[in-house]
Amino acid sequence: MTNMSIGESETFSLKVFESDEFQNIYSTYFMSSLKDQLSFYYSHEDYSHFLRFFDYFDKPDFTFDEYIKSYNNFIEYILDNATDIPVFVDEPKRLLQLLYESNIIAAKKRDINNKYYLNFSYREKDSSNVNPQVPIGENISYRFHYGLYKKNNMGRY
């Protein structure tokens, strides 16, 4: 907003939110925080391979079956390119859980009226549920966090 000379405004401008500049900056910020979070547990090489996972998706919404197809293609890439196979890819549900725990994906749950609700892990966490499990089921699909859209060529949010 400062760059657009409206930094003193008392409300957040939709024009700024929808601008390419803001979306690029936010995507960079999101990816940077993701790198910080994952680098605590995984090597730089593992993180680089992890980023390739997003190349196997061309849209931000996907079903579990679409995830499995992308996962299998990603595994082929890992087997061809990694010196050591990262622990997070040894089982499809483990990687899906990592995506959910890291708030990279939300679970889209449909209700009986066909409306959907996004459940992110951070919303589910509390003192009695410190490790929410990623929902998997017939009425559930997934959506990538919009912070990934620009950096991973999934379009705009």
N, C-alpha and C. Protein backbone atom coordinates (compact mmCIF):
# COMPACT_ATOMS: atom_id res chain seq x y z
N MET A 1 0.83 -1.17 0.00
CA MET A 1 0.00 0.00 0.00
C MET A 1 0.88 1.24 0.00
N THR A 2 2.02 1.15 0.66
CA THR A 2 2.95 2.28 0.66
C THR A 2 3.45 2.54 -0.75
N ASN A 3 3.77 1.49 -1.49
CA ASN A 3 4.23 1.64 -2.87
C ASN A 3 3.18 2.29 -3.76
N MET A 4 1.90 2.12 -3.42
CA MET A 4 0.81 2.71 -4.20
C MET A 4 0.35 4.04 -3.62
N SER A 5 1.11 4.56 -2.67
CA SER A 5 0.83 5.85 -2.02
C SER A 5 -0.52 5.87 -1.29
N ILE A 6 -0.89 4.70 -0.74
CA ILE A 6 -2.11 4.66 0.08
C ILE A 6 -1.81 4.01 1.43
N GLY A 7 -0.58 4.17 1.89
CA GLY A 7 -0.13 3.56 3.13
C GLY A 7 -0.79 4.10 4.37
N GLU A 8 -1.38 5.26 4.28
CA GLU A 8 -2.04 5.87 5.45
C GLU A 8 -3.51 5.48 5.54
N SER A 9 -4.00 4.71 4.61
CA SER A 9 -5.41 4.32 4.60
C SER A 9 -5.74 3.48 5.83
N GLU A 10 -6.98 3.60 6.29
CA GLU A 10 -7.41 2.82 7.46
C GLU A 10 -7.98 1.46 7.07
N THR A 11 -8.11 1.21 5.80
CA THR A 11 -8.61 -0.08 5.33
C THR A 11 -7.62 -0.66 4.33
N PHE A 12 -7.66 -1.97 4.21
CA PHE A 12 -6.78 -2.66 3.29
C PHE A 12 -7.42 -2.65 1.91
N SER A 13 -6.70 -2.23 0.92
CA SER A 13 -7.22 -2.08 -0.43
C SER A 13 -7.31 -3.43 -1.16
N LEU A 14 -8.47 -3.72 -1.73
CA LEU A 14 -8.65 -4.92 -2.54
C LEU A 14 -7.74 -4.86 -3.76
N LYS A 15 -7.54 -3.66 -4.29
CA LYS A 15 -6.67 -3.47 -5.45
C LYS A 15 -5.24 -3.94 -5.11
N VAL A 16 -4.79 -3.64 -3.92
CA VAL A 16 -3.46 -4.07 -3.50
C VAL A 16 -3.42 -5.59 -3.35
N PHE A 17 -4.42 -6.14 -2.68
CA PHE A 17 -4.49 -7.58 -2.46
C PHE A 17 -4.49 -8.34 -3.77
N GLU A 18 -5.15 -7.84 -4.78
CA GLU A 18 -5.26 -8.52 -6.07
C GLU A 18 -4.08 -8.22 -7.00
N SER A 19 -3.20 -7.32 -6.60
CA SER A 19 -2.08 -6.94 -7.48
C SER A 19 -1.05 -8.06 -7.57
N ASP A 20 -0.38 -8.13 -8.72
CA ASP A 20 0.69 -9.11 -8.91
C ASP A 20 1.81 -8.89 -7.90
N GLU A 21 2.12 -7.64 -7.62
CA GLU A 21 3.21 -7.33 -6.70
C GLU A 21 2.94 -7.94 -5.32
N PHE A 22 1.74 -7.72 -4.79
CA PHE A 22 1.40 -8.27 -3.48
C PHE A 22 1.41 -9.79 -3.50
N GLN A 23 0.82 -10.38 -4.53
CA GLN A 23 0.75 -11.84 -4.58
C GLN A 23 2.14 -12.46 -4.71
N ASN A 24 3.03 -11.83 -5.46
CA ASN A 24 4.40 -12.32 -5.55
C ASN A 24 5.12 -12.20 -4.21
N ILE A 25 4.97 -11.08 -3.55
CA ILE A 25 5.63 -10.87 -2.25
C ILE A 25 5.09 -11.85 -1.22
N TYR A 26 3.77 -12.04 -1.20
CA TYR A 26 3.18 -12.97 -0.24
C TYR A 26 3.64 -14.40 -0.52
N SER A 27 3.69 -14.78 -1.77
CA SER A 27 4.13 -16.12 -2.12
C SER A 27 5.58 -16.33 -1.70
N THR A 28 6.43 -15.35 -1.92
CA THR A 28 7.82 -15.43 -1.49
C THR A 28 7.90 -15.58 0.03
N TYR A 29 7.11 -14.80 0.73
CA TYR A 29 7.07 -14.87 2.20
C TYR A 29 6.62 -16.27 2.65
N PHE A 30 5.55 -16.78 2.04
CA PHE A 30 5.04 -18.09 2.43
C PHE A 30 6.09 -19.18 2.20
N MET A 31 6.72 -19.16 1.03
CA MET A 31 7.72 -20.17 0.71
C MET A 31 8.93 -20.06 1.64
N SER A 32 9.29 -18.85 2.00
CA SER A 32 10.41 -18.64 2.92
C SER A 32 10.10 -19.22 4.30
N SER A 33 8.90 -18.98 4.79
CA SER A 33 8.54 -19.52 6.11
C SER A 33 8.42 -21.04 6.05
N LEU A 34 7.97 -21.56 4.92
CA LEU A 34 7.91 -23.00 4.75
C LEU A 34 9.31 -23.60 4.77
N LYS A 35 10.24 -22.95 4.10
CA LYS A 35 11.62 -23.43 4.10
C LYS A 35 12.19 -23.44 5.51
N ASP A 36 11.94 -22.38 6.27
CA ASP A 36 12.42 -22.32 7.65
C ASP A 36 11.84 -23.46 8.48
N GLN A 37 10.56 -23.71 8.33
CA GLN A 37 9.89 -24.76 9.09
C GLN A 37 10.45 -26.14 8.73
N LEU A 38 10.58 -26.42 7.46
CA LEU A 38 11.00 -27.75 7.03
C LEU A 38 12.51 -27.98 7.19
N SER A 39 13.29 -26.92 7.14
CA SER A 39 14.74 -27.09 7.25
C SER A 39 15.15 -27.51 8.66
N PHE A 40 14.25 -27.37 9.61
CA PHE A 40 14.53 -27.85 10.96
C PHE A 40 14.60 -29.37 10.99
N TYR A 41 13.83 -30.02 10.12
CA TYR A 41 13.74 -31.48 10.10
C TYR A 41 14.44 -32.13 8.91
N TYR A 42 14.58 -31.40 7.80
CA TYR A 42 15.06 -32.00 6.56
C TYR A 42 16.26 -31.25 6.01
N SER A 43 17.05 -31.94 5.21
CA SER A 43 18.25 -31.33 4.62
C SER A 43 17.85 -30.37 3.50
N HIS A 44 18.83 -29.59 3.07
CA HIS A 44 18.61 -28.67 1.95
C HIS A 44 18.24 -29.46 0.69
N GLU A 45 18.90 -30.60 0.48
CA GLU A 45 18.59 -31.43 -0.69
C GLU A 45 17.15 -31.96 -0.60
N ASP A 46 16.74 -32.41 0.58
CA ASP A 46 15.36 -32.89 0.76
C ASP A 46 14.36 -31.78 0.46
N TYR A 47 14.66 -30.59 0.94
CA TYR A 47 13.76 -29.46 0.69
C TYR A 47 13.68 -29.15 -0.81
N SER A 48 14.80 -29.19 -1.49
CA SER A 48 14.80 -28.93 -2.93
C SER A 48 13.95 -29.96 -3.67
N HIS A 49 14.07 -31.21 -3.27
CA HIS A 49 13.23 -32.25 -3.87
C HIS A 49 11.77 -32.03 -3.51
N PHE A 50 11.52 -31.65 -2.28
CA PHE A 50 10.15 -31.39 -1.83
C PHE A 50 9.48 -30.34 -2.70
N LEU A 51 10.20 -29.30 -3.07
CA LEU A 51 9.64 -28.25 -3.92
C LEU A 51 9.22 -28.78 -5.29
N ARG A 52 9.91 -29.79 -5.76
CA ARG A 52 9.55 -30.38 -7.06
C ARG A 52 8.18 -31.05 -7.02
N PHE A 53 7.73 -31.44 -5.83
CA PHE A 53 6.44 -32.09 -5.68
C PHE A 53 5.32 -31.25 -6.28
N PHE A 54 5.40 -29.94 -6.13
CA PHE A 54 4.35 -29.04 -6.62
C PHE A 54 4.27 -29.00 -8.13
N ASP A 55 5.34 -29.40 -8.80
CA ASP A 55 5.34 -29.45 -10.27
C ASP A 55 4.35 -30.47 -10.82
N TYR A 56 3.93 -31.39 -9.98
CA TYR A 56 3.03 -32.45 -10.42
C TYR A 56 1.56 -32.08 -10.25
N PHE A 57 1.29 -30.82 -9.96
CA PHE A 57 -0.07 -30.30 -9.85
C PHE A 57 -0.19 -29.09 -10.76
N ASP A 58 -1.31 -28.97 -11.45
CA ASP A 58 -1.51 -27.81 -12.31
C ASP A 58 -2.67 -26.93 -11.86
N LYS A 59 -3.26 -27.29 -10.74
CA LYS A 59 -4.35 -26.49 -10.19
C LYS A 59 -4.32 -26.61 -8.67
N PRO A 60 -4.90 -25.65 -7.99
CA PRO A 60 -4.80 -25.65 -6.52
C PRO A 60 -5.72 -26.64 -5.81
N ASP A 61 -6.76 -27.14 -6.46
CA ASP A 61 -7.69 -28.08 -5.85
C ASP A 61 -7.44 -29.47 -6.40
N PHE A 62 -7.53 -30.47 -5.54
CA PHE A 62 -7.31 -31.84 -5.98
C PHE A 62 -8.00 -32.82 -5.06
N THR A 63 -8.29 -33.98 -5.61
CA THR A 63 -8.89 -35.07 -4.84
C THR A 63 -7.79 -35.99 -4.33
N PHE A 64 -8.15 -36.92 -3.49
CA PHE A 64 -7.17 -37.88 -2.99
C PHE A 64 -6.62 -38.72 -4.14
N ASP A 65 -7.48 -39.13 -5.08
CA ASP A 65 -7.01 -39.91 -6.23
C ASP A 65 -6.02 -39.12 -7.08
N GLU A 66 -6.29 -37.82 -7.28
CA GLU A 66 -5.35 -36.97 -8.03
C GLU A 66 -4.04 -36.83 -7.26
N TYR A 67 -4.14 -36.74 -5.95
CA TYR A 67 -2.94 -36.67 -5.12
C TYR A 67 -2.09 -37.93 -5.30
N ILE A 68 -2.72 -39.09 -5.28
CA ILE A 68 -1.99 -40.36 -5.43
C ILE A 68 -1.27 -40.41 -6.78
N LYS A 69 -1.90 -39.95 -7.83
CA LYS A 69 -1.24 -39.92 -9.15
C LYS A 69 -0.02 -39.01 -9.11
N SER A 70 -0.18 -37.82 -8.53
CA SER A 70 0.95 -36.88 -8.42
C SER A 70 2.04 -37.45 -7.52
N TYR A 71 1.64 -38.07 -6.44
CA TYR A 71 2.60 -38.69 -5.52
C TYR A 71 3.42 -39.75 -6.26
N ASN A 72 2.77 -40.61 -7.03
CA ASN A 72 3.49 -41.66 -7.76
C ASN A 72 4.47 -41.07 -8.77
N ASN A 73 4.08 -40.01 -9.45
CA ASN A 73 5.01 -39.34 -10.38
C ASN A 73 6.18 -38.71 -9.63
N PHE A 74 5.89 -38.15 -8.47
CA PHE A 74 6.93 -37.55 -7.64
C PHE A 74 7.91 -38.63 -7.16
N ILE A 75 7.41 -39.79 -6.78
CA ILE A 75 8.27 -40.89 -6.34
C ILE A 75 9.23 -41.31 -7.46
N GLU A 76 8.73 -41.35 -8.68
CA GLU A 76 9.61 -41.67 -9.82
C GLU A 76 10.73 -40.64 -9.93
N TYR A 77 10.37 -39.36 -9.75
CA TYR A 77 11.39 -38.31 -9.77
C TYR A 77 12.41 -38.53 -8.65
N ILE A 78 11.94 -38.81 -7.44
CA ILE A 78 12.83 -39.01 -6.29
C ILE A 78 13.78 -40.18 -6.55
N LEU A 79 13.25 -41.28 -7.03
CA LEU A 79 14.08 -42.46 -7.28
C LEU A 79 15.15 -42.19 -8.33
N ASP A 80 14.85 -41.31 -9.26
CA ASP A 80 15.82 -40.97 -10.32
C ASP A 80 16.82 -39.90 -9.90
N ASN A 81 16.48 -39.08 -8.90
CA ASN A 81 17.28 -37.88 -8.63
C ASN A 81 17.84 -37.73 -7.23
N ALA A 82 17.32 -38.43 -6.26
CA ALA A 82 17.79 -38.25 -4.88
C ALA A 82 18.88 -39.26 -4.55
N THR A 83 19.88 -38.80 -3.82
CA THR A 83 20.91 -39.73 -3.36
C THR A 83 20.37 -40.57 -2.20
N ASP A 84 19.61 -39.94 -1.32
CA ASP A 84 18.91 -40.64 -0.24
C ASP A 84 17.43 -40.32 -0.36
N ILE A 85 16.60 -41.31 -0.15
CA ILE A 85 15.16 -41.08 -0.25
C ILE A 85 14.69 -40.42 1.04
N PRO A 86 14.11 -39.22 0.94
CA PRO A 86 13.64 -38.52 2.14
C PRO A 86 12.56 -39.31 2.86
N VAL A 87 12.58 -39.25 4.17
CA VAL A 87 11.63 -39.99 5.00
C VAL A 87 10.19 -39.59 4.68
N PHE A 88 9.97 -38.32 4.36
CA PHE A 88 8.60 -37.86 4.17
C PHE A 88 7.92 -38.42 2.92
N VAL A 89 8.66 -39.08 2.04
CA VAL A 89 8.03 -39.62 0.83
C VAL A 89 7.85 -41.13 0.86
N ASP A 90 8.16 -41.76 1.97
CA ASP A 90 8.10 -43.22 1.99
C ASP A 90 6.69 -43.80 1.96
N GLU A 91 5.70 -42.97 2.16
CA GLU A 91 4.31 -43.46 2.17
C GLU A 91 3.40 -42.28 1.82
N PRO A 92 2.41 -42.47 0.93
CA PRO A 92 1.59 -41.34 0.47
C PRO A 92 0.87 -40.59 1.58
N LYS A 93 0.35 -41.30 2.56
CA LYS A 93 -0.38 -40.62 3.64
C LYS A 93 0.57 -39.82 4.54
N ARG A 94 1.81 -40.26 4.64
CA ARG A 94 2.79 -39.51 5.45
C ARG A 94 3.07 -38.15 4.81
N LEU A 95 3.24 -38.14 3.49
CA LEU A 95 3.48 -36.86 2.80
C LEU A 95 2.24 -35.98 2.88
N LEU A 96 1.07 -36.56 2.70
CA LEU A 96 -0.17 -35.78 2.82
C LEU A 96 -0.30 -35.18 4.22
N GLN A 97 0.08 -35.94 5.24
CA GLN A 97 0.05 -35.45 6.61
C GLN A 97 1.03 -34.29 6.79
N LEU A 98 2.21 -34.40 6.20
CA LEU A 98 3.20 -33.31 6.27
C LEU A 98 2.64 -32.05 5.62
N LEU A 99 2.01 -32.21 4.47
CA LEU A 99 1.41 -31.06 3.79
C LEU A 99 0.35 -30.40 4.66
N TYR A 100 -0.43 -31.22 5.34
CA TYR A 100 -1.50 -30.71 6.21
C TYR A 100 -0.91 -30.04 7.46
N GLU A 101 0.04 -30.71 8.11
CA GLU A 101 0.67 -30.16 9.32
C GLU A 101 1.37 -28.84 9.04
N SER A 102 1.92 -28.71 7.85
CA SER A 102 2.65 -27.49 7.49
C SER A 102 1.72 -26.42 6.94
N ASN A 103 0.43 -26.69 6.93
CA ASN A 103 -0.59 -25.77 6.41
C ASN A 103 -0.38 -25.44 4.94
N ILE A 104 0.23 -26.38 4.21
CA ILE A 104 0.41 -26.24 2.78
C ILE A 104 -0.91 -26.56 2.08
N ILE A 105 -1.65 -27.48 2.67
CA ILE A 105 -2.97 -27.81 2.13
C ILE A 105 -4.03 -27.66 3.21
N ALA A 106 -5.24 -27.45 2.76
CA ALA A 106 -6.41 -27.49 3.62
C ALA A 106 -7.28 -28.64 3.12
N ALA A 107 -8.01 -29.24 4.04
CA ALA A 107 -8.99 -30.25 3.66
C ALA A 107 -10.29 -29.53 3.38
N LYS A 108 -10.87 -29.82 2.22
CA LYS A 108 -12.17 -29.23 1.84
C LYS A 108 -13.25 -30.27 2.15
N LYS A 109 -14.04 -29.97 3.16
CA LYS A 109 -15.11 -30.88 3.54
C LYS A 109 -16.43 -30.35 3.00
N ARG A 110 -17.17 -31.20 2.35
CA ARG A 110 -18.50 -30.83 1.83
C ARG A 110 -19.56 -31.29 2.82
N ASP A 111 -20.54 -30.41 3.04
CA ASP A 111 -21.64 -30.78 3.92
C ASP A 111 -22.82 -31.31 3.10
N ILE A 112 -23.91 -31.58 3.76
CA ILE A 112 -25.06 -32.18 3.07
C ILE A 112 -25.70 -31.23 2.06
N ASN A 113 -25.44 -29.93 2.19
CA ASN A 113 -25.95 -28.93 1.24
C ASN A 113 -24.96 -28.63 0.13
N ASN A 114 -23.88 -29.43 0.04
CA ASN A 114 -22.83 -29.31 -0.96
C ASN A 114 -22.01 -28.02 -0.81
N LYS A 115 -22.06 -27.40 0.36
CA LYS A 115 -21.16 -26.29 0.66
C LYS A 115 -19.88 -26.88 1.24
N TYR A 116 -18.76 -26.22 0.97
CA TYR A 116 -17.53 -26.77 1.52
C TYR A 116 -16.90 -25.80 2.50
N TYR A 117 -16.10 -26.39 3.39
CA TYR A 117 -15.40 -25.65 4.42
C TYR A 117 -13.94 -26.06 4.38
N LEU A 118 -13.06 -25.08 4.49
CA LEU A 118 -11.62 -25.36 4.49
C LEU A 118 -11.14 -25.57 5.91
N ASN A 119 -10.52 -26.71 6.15
CA ASN A 119 -9.94 -27.01 7.45
C ASN A 119 -8.43 -27.04 7.30
N PHE A 120 -7.76 -26.06 7.91
CA PHE A 120 -6.31 -26.06 7.98
C PHE A 120 -5.90 -26.65 9.33
N SER A 121 -4.75 -27.25 9.37
CA SER A 121 -4.25 -27.86 10.60
C SER A 121 -4.19 -26.84 11.74
N TYR A 122 -3.72 -25.63 11.45
CA TYR A 122 -3.57 -24.64 12.52
C TYR A 122 -4.90 -24.30 13.18
N ARG A 123 -6.00 -24.44 12.46
CA ARG A 123 -7.32 -24.19 13.05
C ARG A 123 -7.77 -25.33 13.94
N GLU A 124 -7.27 -26.52 13.67
CA GLU A 124 -7.68 -27.70 14.42
C GLU A 124 -6.84 -27.89 15.69
N LYS A 125 -5.65 -27.29 15.71
CA LYS A 125 -4.75 -27.49 16.84
C LYS A 125 -5.25 -26.76 18.08
N ASP A 126 -5.15 -27.45 19.19
CA ASP A 126 -5.38 -26.84 20.50
C ASP A 126 -4.72 -27.74 21.54
N SER A 127 -4.87 -27.42 22.81
CA SER A 127 -4.16 -28.17 23.84
C SER A 127 -4.59 -29.64 23.90
N SER A 128 -5.77 -29.97 23.43
CA SER A 128 -6.20 -31.36 23.46
C SER A 128 -6.01 -32.06 22.10
N ASN A 129 -5.58 -31.32 21.10
CA ASN A 129 -5.36 -31.89 19.77
C ASN A 129 -4.11 -31.25 19.16
N VAL A 130 -2.95 -31.67 19.63
CA VAL A 130 -1.70 -31.03 19.20
C VAL A 130 -1.22 -31.52 17.84
N ASN A 131 -1.76 -32.63 17.36
CA ASN A 131 -1.34 -33.16 16.07
C ASN A 131 -2.57 -33.60 15.27
N PRO A 132 -3.32 -32.64 14.73
CA PRO A 132 -4.51 -33.02 13.97
C PRO A 132 -4.15 -33.86 12.75
N GLN A 133 -4.92 -34.90 12.52
CA GLN A 133 -4.68 -35.78 11.39
C GLN A 133 -5.40 -35.25 10.16
N VAL A 134 -4.76 -35.42 9.01
CA VAL A 134 -5.35 -34.96 7.76
C VAL A 134 -6.60 -35.80 7.48
N PRO A 135 -7.72 -35.17 7.23
CA PRO A 135 -8.92 -35.93 6.90
C PRO A 135 -8.79 -36.57 5.52
N ILE A 136 -9.25 -37.80 5.42
CA ILE A 136 -9.30 -38.52 4.15
C ILE A 136 -10.67 -39.18 4.09
N GLY A 137 -11.35 -38.99 2.98
CA GLY A 137 -12.66 -39.60 2.86
C GLY A 137 -13.35 -39.22 1.57
N GLU A 138 -14.51 -39.78 1.39
CA GLU A 138 -15.26 -39.61 0.15
C GLU A 138 -15.70 -38.16 -0.09
N ASN A 139 -16.07 -37.46 0.96
CA ASN A 139 -16.57 -36.09 0.81
C ASN A 139 -15.47 -35.04 1.04
N ILE A 140 -14.22 -35.46 0.93
CA ILE A 140 -13.10 -34.56 1.22
C ILE A 140 -12.20 -34.44 0.00
N SER A 141 -11.85 -33.21 -0.33
CA SER A 141 -10.82 -32.94 -1.32
C SER A 141 -9.85 -31.98 -0.66
N TYR A 142 -8.91 -31.44 -1.41
CA TYR A 142 -7.85 -30.63 -0.82
C TYR A 142 -7.61 -29.39 -1.66
N ARG A 143 -7.06 -28.38 -1.01
CA ARG A 143 -6.69 -27.15 -1.70
C ARG A 143 -5.34 -26.69 -1.15
N PHE A 144 -4.46 -26.32 -2.06
CA PHE A 144 -3.19 -25.74 -1.64
C PHE A 144 -3.43 -24.35 -1.06
N HIS A 145 -2.59 -23.99 -0.12
CA HIS A 145 -2.63 -22.64 0.46
C HIS A 145 -2.35 -21.64 -0.65
N TYR A 146 -3.09 -20.55 -0.67
CA TYR A 146 -2.94 -19.58 -1.76
C TYR A 146 -1.58 -18.92 -1.80
N GLY A 147 -0.80 -19.03 -0.73
CA GLY A 147 0.56 -18.52 -0.75
C GLY A 147 1.46 -19.26 -1.72
N LEU A 148 1.03 -20.43 -2.16
CA LEU A 148 1.82 -21.23 -3.10
C LEU A 148 1.48 -20.95 -4.56
N TYR A 149 0.36 -20.34 -4.81
CA TYR A 149 -0.14 -20.21 -6.18
C TYR A 149 0.87 -19.57 -7.12
N LYS A 150 1.37 -18.40 -6.78
CA LYS A 150 2.24 -17.67 -7.71
C LYS A 150 3.58 -18.35 -7.91
N LYS A 151 4.21 -18.79 -6.84
CA LYS A 151 5.54 -19.40 -6.96
C LYS A 151 5.51 -20.76 -7.63
N ASN A 152 4.35 -21.39 -7.63
CA ASN A 152 4.26 -22.74 -8.20
C ASN A 152 3.34 -22.80 -9.40
N ASN A 153 3.10 -21.65 -10.01
CA ASN A 153 2.34 -21.56 -11.27
C ASN A 153 0.97 -22.23 -11.22
N MET A 154 0.26 -22.00 -10.13
CA MET A 154 -1.10 -22.54 -9.98
C MET A 154 -2.15 -21.48 -10.24
N GLY A 155 -1.73 -20.35 -10.73
CA GLY A 155 -2.68 -19.29 -11.03
C GLY A 155 -2.67 -18.21 -9.96
N ARG A 156 -3.79 -17.50 -9.89
CA ARG A 156 -3.95 -16.39 -8.95
C ARG A 156 -4.98 -16.79 -7.90
N TYR A 157 -4.89 -16.12 -6.76
CA TYR A 157 -5.94 -16.32 -5.75
C TYR A 157 -6.84 -15.13 -5.73
